[in-house]
């Protein structure tokens, strides 16, 4: 299969490109010399262009059997870009995979645990911050009615290759307060998945996925307090909860309201049962304690 990856030089896209390049012909968009070298190092072919250039995107997508769209842009721009690519694929039977995220499932709990956990087609109230992305998901899934093998992958928090999305925020709190901070009691969490396991899911979606389907990638769960405590142990500092007002002073408003103050729990029965996906890297706490995530290594 010839696969075009939009966002191949980014954190998530590079993991997907490296995995797929082992068995498919992969080419990835690169907007700079550095991005070009990175894409080549992944075993893929780099093609020059930027995600803002719709005519270039459509041309490259037309040369492929499948397009995997990874970057998360400003939501209106993202929807316009995806709409143009779906239009180009109409009545071709080609494959289009859109990367969303379980932020759309997020519930603002400000440090409290929620028992709510969502499988792929469970009903939910979308986060008000991500309603446009939710509409984009629905557009991709509906494209199956227009001759596109359109599918959505909705990852949770992704970690690996020296990175976890919340760890930089925790390090910010250490720099500002001397402690690894979490909001409230820190019992809230995002379900997580390793980058390697997520990349394997994309391979299965491309090979076996059903047009119009949505796939989750739940690898494990670890609440924010435990993440902070692991980082604190590695850094040799204490961990503590902060009020919302303190959180605003540390991180501004977006992070406390949309990520660190949110509970977003997901399950992936469709991915596991339909595709046979099984995650292997599920112990995030041990990965942090082992120094596997670069940001957490001792100074």
Protein backbone atom coordinates (compact mmCIF):
# COMPACT_ATOMS: atom_id res chain seq x y z
CA UNK A 1 0.00 0.00 0.00
CA UNK A 2 1.26 3.50 -0.82
CA UNK A 3 0.56 5.70 2.19
CA UNK A 4 0.77 9.49 2.47
CA UNK A 5 1.25 10.74 6.04
CA UNK A 6 0.42 14.34 6.85
CA UNK A 7 2.43 15.21 9.95
CA UNK A 8 5.09 12.53 9.47
CA UNK A 9 7.84 14.56 11.13
CA UNK A 10 5.91 15.22 14.35
CA UNK A 11 5.90 13.20 17.56
CA UNK A 12 2.93 10.98 16.70
CA UNK A 13 3.38 11.01 12.94
CA UNK A 14 7.01 9.92 13.14
CA UNK A 15 6.07 6.90 15.23
CA UNK A 16 3.39 5.93 12.75
CA UNK A 17 5.65 6.52 9.73
CA UNK A 18 8.47 4.44 11.18
CA UNK A 19 6.12 1.54 11.92
CA UNK A 20 4.37 1.59 8.54
CA UNK A 21 7.56 2.04 6.51
CA UNK A 22 8.61 -1.47 7.49
CA UNK A 23 5.82 -2.99 5.40
CA UNK A 24 4.43 -0.26 3.12
CA UNK A 25 5.63 2.46 0.78
CA UNK A 26 5.33 5.57 2.92
CA UNK A 27 5.86 9.20 2.02
CA UNK A 28 5.50 12.07 4.44
CA UNK A 29 5.01 15.78 4.20
CA UNK A 30 8.04 17.86 5.21
CA UNK A 31 8.11 21.65 5.34
CA UNK A 32 11.80 22.15 6.21
CA UNK A 33 15.22 20.60 5.67
CA UNK A 34 15.20 19.29 9.23
CA UNK A 35 11.79 17.69 8.72
CA UNK A 36 12.98 16.17 5.44
CA UNK A 37 15.96 14.52 7.14
CA UNK A 38 13.76 13.24 9.96
CA UNK A 39 11.26 11.67 7.57
CA UNK A 40 14.07 10.00 5.60
CA UNK A 41 15.56 8.62 8.82
CA UNK A 42 12.23 6.93 9.53
CA UNK A 43 12.54 4.90 6.35
CA UNK A 44 9.97 6.98 4.47
CA UNK A 45 10.20 9.29 1.46
CA UNK A 46 9.97 13.00 2.21
CA UNK A 47 7.89 15.27 -0.01
CA UNK A 48 8.13 19.04 0.22
CA UNK A 49 5.11 21.03 1.31
CA UNK A 50 3.14 22.43 4.22
CA UNK A 51 -0.22 21.53 5.65
CA UNK A 52 -1.47 25.01 4.78
CA UNK A 53 -1.03 24.33 1.04
CA UNK A 54 -4.24 22.49 0.18
CA UNK A 55 -3.44 22.02 -3.49
CA UNK A 56 -0.17 20.26 -2.59
CA UNK A 57 -1.89 18.08 -0.01
CA UNK A 58 -4.60 17.05 -2.44
CA UNK A 59 -2.03 16.26 -5.14
CA UNK A 60 0.05 14.03 -2.87
CA UNK A 61 -3.03 12.35 -1.44
CA UNK A 62 -4.17 11.59 -4.97
CA UNK A 63 -0.92 9.72 -5.63
CA UNK A 64 -1.46 7.44 -2.62
CA UNK A 65 -3.76 4.55 -1.82
CA UNK A 66 -4.29 5.93 1.67
CA UNK A 67 -3.79 9.18 3.57
CA UNK A 68 -3.17 9.29 7.30
CA UNK A 69 -3.87 12.74 8.76
CA UNK A 70 -2.05 13.21 12.07
CA UNK A 71 -1.55 16.91 12.96
CA UNK A 72 -4.08 18.62 15.20
CA UNK A 73 -4.51 22.11 13.80
CA UNK A 74 -6.74 24.97 14.81
CA UNK A 75 -10.08 23.24 14.62
CA UNK A 76 -11.66 25.33 11.84
CA UNK A 77 -8.54 24.98 9.67
CA UNK A 78 -8.37 21.29 10.46
CA UNK A 79 -11.96 20.78 9.35
CA UNK A 80 -11.44 22.72 6.11
CA UNK A 81 -8.30 20.71 5.31
CA UNK A 82 -9.92 17.36 6.04
CA UNK A 83 -13.00 18.31 4.02
CA UNK A 84 -10.81 19.09 0.99
CA UNK A 85 -9.00 15.75 1.26
CA UNK A 86 -12.27 13.82 1.63
CA UNK A 87 -13.63 15.59 -1.44
CA UNK A 88 -10.55 14.52 -3.40
CA UNK A 89 -11.11 10.91 -2.31
CA UNK A 90 -14.85 10.83 -3.04
CA UNK A 91 -15.95 7.77 -5.06
CA UNK A 92 -12.38 6.42 -5.23
CA UNK A 93 -12.60 3.79 -2.50
CA UNK A 94 -9.29 5.08 -1.13
CA UNK A 95 -8.53 5.13 2.58
CA UNK A 96 -8.49 8.22 4.78
CA UNK A 97 -7.58 7.96 8.47
CA UNK A 98 -8.17 11.00 10.68
CA UNK A 99 -6.44 11.40 14.03
CA UNK A 100 -8.67 12.90 16.69
CA UNK A 101 -8.13 12.53 20.45
CA UNK A 102 -10.00 11.60 23.60
CA UNK A 103 -10.00 15.23 24.64
CA UNK A 104 -13.44 15.29 23.01
CA UNK A 105 -14.59 12.98 25.84
CA UNK A 106 -13.12 15.18 28.55
CA UNK A 107 -15.04 15.97 31.73
CA UNK A 108 -13.83 18.87 33.86
CA UNK A 109 -13.50 17.32 37.33
CA UNK A 110 -10.70 19.51 38.75
CA UNK A 111 -8.85 16.60 40.29
CA UNK A 112 -11.71 14.24 41.05
CA UNK A 113 -12.05 10.78 39.54
CA UNK A 114 -14.96 10.02 37.21
CA UNK A 115 -16.35 6.54 36.84
CA UNK A 116 -17.39 7.37 33.27
CA UNK A 117 -15.36 5.56 30.63
CA UNK A 118 -16.26 5.49 26.96
CA UNK A 119 -15.99 2.84 24.25
CA UNK A 120 -15.87 3.82 20.61
CA UNK A 121 -19.57 4.32 19.96
CA UNK A 122 -20.81 5.25 23.42
CA UNK A 123 -22.89 8.42 23.65
CA UNK A 124 -21.16 11.36 25.32
CA UNK A 125 -21.36 15.13 25.65
CA UNK A 126 -18.39 16.57 23.73
CA UNK A 127 -16.05 18.97 25.47
CA UNK A 128 -17.19 22.48 24.59
CA UNK A 129 -13.62 23.29 23.62
CA UNK A 130 -13.54 20.55 20.98
CA UNK A 131 -16.97 20.51 19.37
CA UNK A 132 -15.56 21.33 15.93
CA UNK A 133 -13.14 18.39 16.13
CA UNK A 134 -16.07 16.17 17.05
CA UNK A 135 -17.88 17.40 13.91
CA UNK A 136 -14.77 16.61 11.87
CA UNK A 137 -14.82 13.06 13.24
CA UNK A 138 -18.41 12.70 12.05
CA UNK A 139 -17.54 14.08 8.60
CA UNK A 140 -14.81 11.48 8.18
CA UNK A 141 -17.02 8.63 9.29
CA UNK A 142 -19.86 9.80 7.03
CA UNK A 143 -17.50 9.84 4.02
CA UNK A 144 -18.02 6.07 3.81
CA UNK A 145 -21.36 6.93 2.21
CA UNK A 146 -19.50 8.84 -0.50
CA UNK A 147 -17.13 6.08 -1.57
CA UNK A 148 -14.29 6.84 0.85
CA UNK A 149 -12.88 4.30 3.28
CA UNK A 150 -12.88 6.96 5.96
CA UNK A 151 -11.98 6.03 9.55
CA UNK A 152 -11.11 7.84 12.78
CA UNK A 153 -8.49 6.93 15.38
CA UNK A 154 -9.08 8.65 18.72
CA UNK A 155 -5.93 8.22 20.85
CA UNK A 156 -5.75 9.06 24.55
CA UNK A 157 -2.60 10.65 26.07
CA UNK A 158 0.36 9.34 24.08
CA UNK A 159 3.78 8.68 25.61
CA UNK A 160 7.09 7.41 24.35
CA UNK A 161 10.26 8.53 22.60
CA UNK A 162 11.16 10.60 25.66
CA UNK A 163 7.85 12.41 25.97
CA UNK A 164 4.54 12.47 27.83
CA UNK A 165 2.12 15.36 27.31
CA UNK A 166 1.60 16.10 31.00
CA UNK A 167 5.18 15.74 32.18
CA UNK A 168 6.31 19.06 30.73
CA UNK A 169 3.45 20.70 32.64
CA UNK A 170 4.57 19.02 35.85
CA UNK A 171 8.16 20.17 35.23
CA UNK A 172 6.83 23.68 34.76
CA UNK A 173 5.28 23.46 38.21
CA UNK A 174 8.59 22.28 39.67
CA UNK A 175 10.39 25.23 38.09
CA UNK A 176 7.81 27.69 39.44
CA UNK A 177 6.99 26.25 42.86
CA UNK A 178 9.67 23.72 43.72
CA UNK A 179 7.09 20.90 43.83
CA UNK A 180 5.51 18.55 41.29
CA UNK A 181 1.93 19.81 41.24
CA UNK A 182 -1.44 18.34 40.34
CA UNK A 183 -4.90 19.86 40.63
CA UNK A 184 -7.06 19.11 43.66
CA UNK A 185 -6.74 15.51 44.78
CA UNK A 186 -5.20 14.53 41.43
CA UNK A 187 -7.45 11.51 40.99
CA UNK A 188 -8.46 12.50 37.47
CA UNK A 189 -6.64 11.05 34.47
CA UNK A 190 -6.39 10.62 30.75
CA UNK A 191 -6.23 7.00 29.63
CA UNK A 192 -2.79 6.57 28.04
CA UNK A 193 -1.09 4.58 25.27
CA UNK A 194 2.53 4.12 24.22
CA UNK A 195 3.54 5.50 20.85
CA UNK A 196 4.67 2.07 19.68
CA UNK A 197 1.32 0.49 20.54
CA UNK A 198 -0.55 3.33 18.87
CA UNK A 199 1.52 2.99 15.69
CA UNK A 200 0.67 -0.70 15.59
CA UNK A 201 -3.02 0.20 15.79
CA UNK A 202 -2.71 2.47 12.74
CA UNK A 203 -1.20 -0.42 10.83
CA UNK A 204 -4.17 -2.63 11.72
CA UNK A 205 -6.68 0.10 10.86
CA UNK A 206 -5.13 0.52 7.41
CA UNK A 207 -5.08 -3.22 6.78
CA UNK A 208 -8.36 -4.36 8.33
CA UNK A 209 -10.39 -1.34 9.43
CA UNK A 210 -14.04 -0.86 8.48
CA UNK A 211 -15.16 2.19 6.50
CA UNK A 212 -16.98 4.63 8.79
CA UNK A 213 -15.52 3.17 11.99
CA UNK A 214 -13.95 4.83 15.01
CA UNK A 215 -11.10 3.15 16.91
CA UNK A 216 -9.83 3.87 20.42
CA UNK A 217 -6.35 3.02 21.73
CA UNK A 218 -6.61 2.47 25.48
CA UNK A 219 -3.32 1.17 26.84
CA UNK A 220 -3.63 1.90 30.55
CA UNK A 221 -4.64 4.38 33.25
CA UNK A 222 -2.59 6.38 35.75
CA UNK A 223 -4.04 9.29 37.68
CA UNK A 224 -2.38 12.70 37.60
CA UNK A 225 -1.29 12.56 41.25
CA UNK A 226 0.64 9.35 40.64
CA UNK A 227 2.25 10.79 37.50
CA UNK A 228 3.33 13.82 39.53
CA UNK A 229 4.61 11.63 42.38
CA UNK A 230 6.70 9.58 39.94
CA UNK A 231 8.19 12.73 38.44
CA UNK A 232 8.80 14.08 41.96
CA UNK A 233 10.65 10.91 42.95
CA UNK A 234 12.92 11.13 39.91
CA UNK A 235 13.54 14.84 40.44
CA UNK A 236 14.02 14.60 44.20
CA UNK A 237 11.22 17.01 45.11
CA UNK A 238 7.85 16.76 46.82
CA UNK A 239 4.45 16.46 45.11
CA UNK A 240 1.35 18.38 46.15
CA UNK A 241 -2.13 19.34 45.03
CA UNK A 242 -2.99 22.92 44.13
CA UNK A 243 -6.23 24.86 43.97
CA UNK A 244 -7.64 26.03 40.66
CA UNK A 245 -6.50 29.57 41.43
CA UNK A 246 -2.95 28.34 42.06
CA UNK A 247 -3.14 26.26 38.88
CA UNK A 248 -4.00 29.36 36.84
CA UNK A 249 -0.91 31.09 38.26
CA UNK A 250 1.31 28.12 37.35
CA UNK A 251 -0.06 27.14 33.94
CA UNK A 252 -2.46 29.83 32.77
CA UNK A 253 -6.09 28.92 32.10
CA UNK A 254 -6.00 26.43 29.23
CA UNK A 255 -4.01 23.63 30.87
CA UNK A 256 -6.01 23.47 34.13
CA UNK A 257 -9.36 23.58 32.34
CA UNK A 258 -8.67 21.32 29.35
CA UNK A 259 -5.96 18.83 30.36
CA UNK A 260 -4.71 18.68 33.96
CA UNK A 261 -8.15 19.43 35.40
CA UNK A 262 -9.96 16.98 33.14
CA UNK A 263 -10.87 13.30 33.39
CA UNK A 264 -10.91 11.47 30.05
CA UNK A 265 -11.21 7.71 30.33
CA UNK A 266 -11.66 5.47 27.29
CA UNK A 267 -11.93 1.79 26.37
CA UNK A 268 -11.14 0.17 23.03
CA UNK A 269 -13.31 -2.94 22.51
CA UNK A 270 -13.62 -2.37 18.75
CA UNK A 271 -9.87 -2.07 18.30
CA UNK A 272 -9.25 -5.17 20.36
CA UNK A 273 -12.08 -7.39 19.11
CA UNK A 274 -12.36 -6.35 15.46
CA UNK A 275 -8.69 -5.70 14.73
CA UNK A 276 -6.98 -7.90 17.30
CA UNK A 277 -5.02 -4.96 18.72
CA UNK A 278 -3.22 -5.64 22.00
CA UNK A 279 -1.09 -2.98 23.72
CA UNK A 280 2.21 -4.17 25.17
CA UNK A 281 3.66 -1.05 26.84
CA UNK A 282 1.18 -0.36 29.63
CA UNK A 283 3.29 0.57 32.70
CA UNK A 284 3.67 4.32 32.42
CA UNK A 285 4.72 4.73 36.06
CA UNK A 286 7.68 2.39 35.64
CA UNK A 287 8.70 4.12 32.42
CA UNK A 288 8.88 7.43 34.29
CA UNK A 289 10.77 5.94 37.23
CA UNK A 290 13.22 4.22 34.86
CA UNK A 291 14.05 7.59 33.29
CA UNK A 292 12.78 6.37 29.94
CA UNK A 293 11.04 9.68 29.34
CA UNK A 294 13.87 12.15 28.79
CA UNK A 295 12.13 15.08 30.46
CA UNK A 296 12.09 13.09 33.72
CA UNK A 297 15.75 12.18 33.91
CA UNK A 298 17.71 13.66 36.76
CA UNK A 299 19.49 16.94 35.97
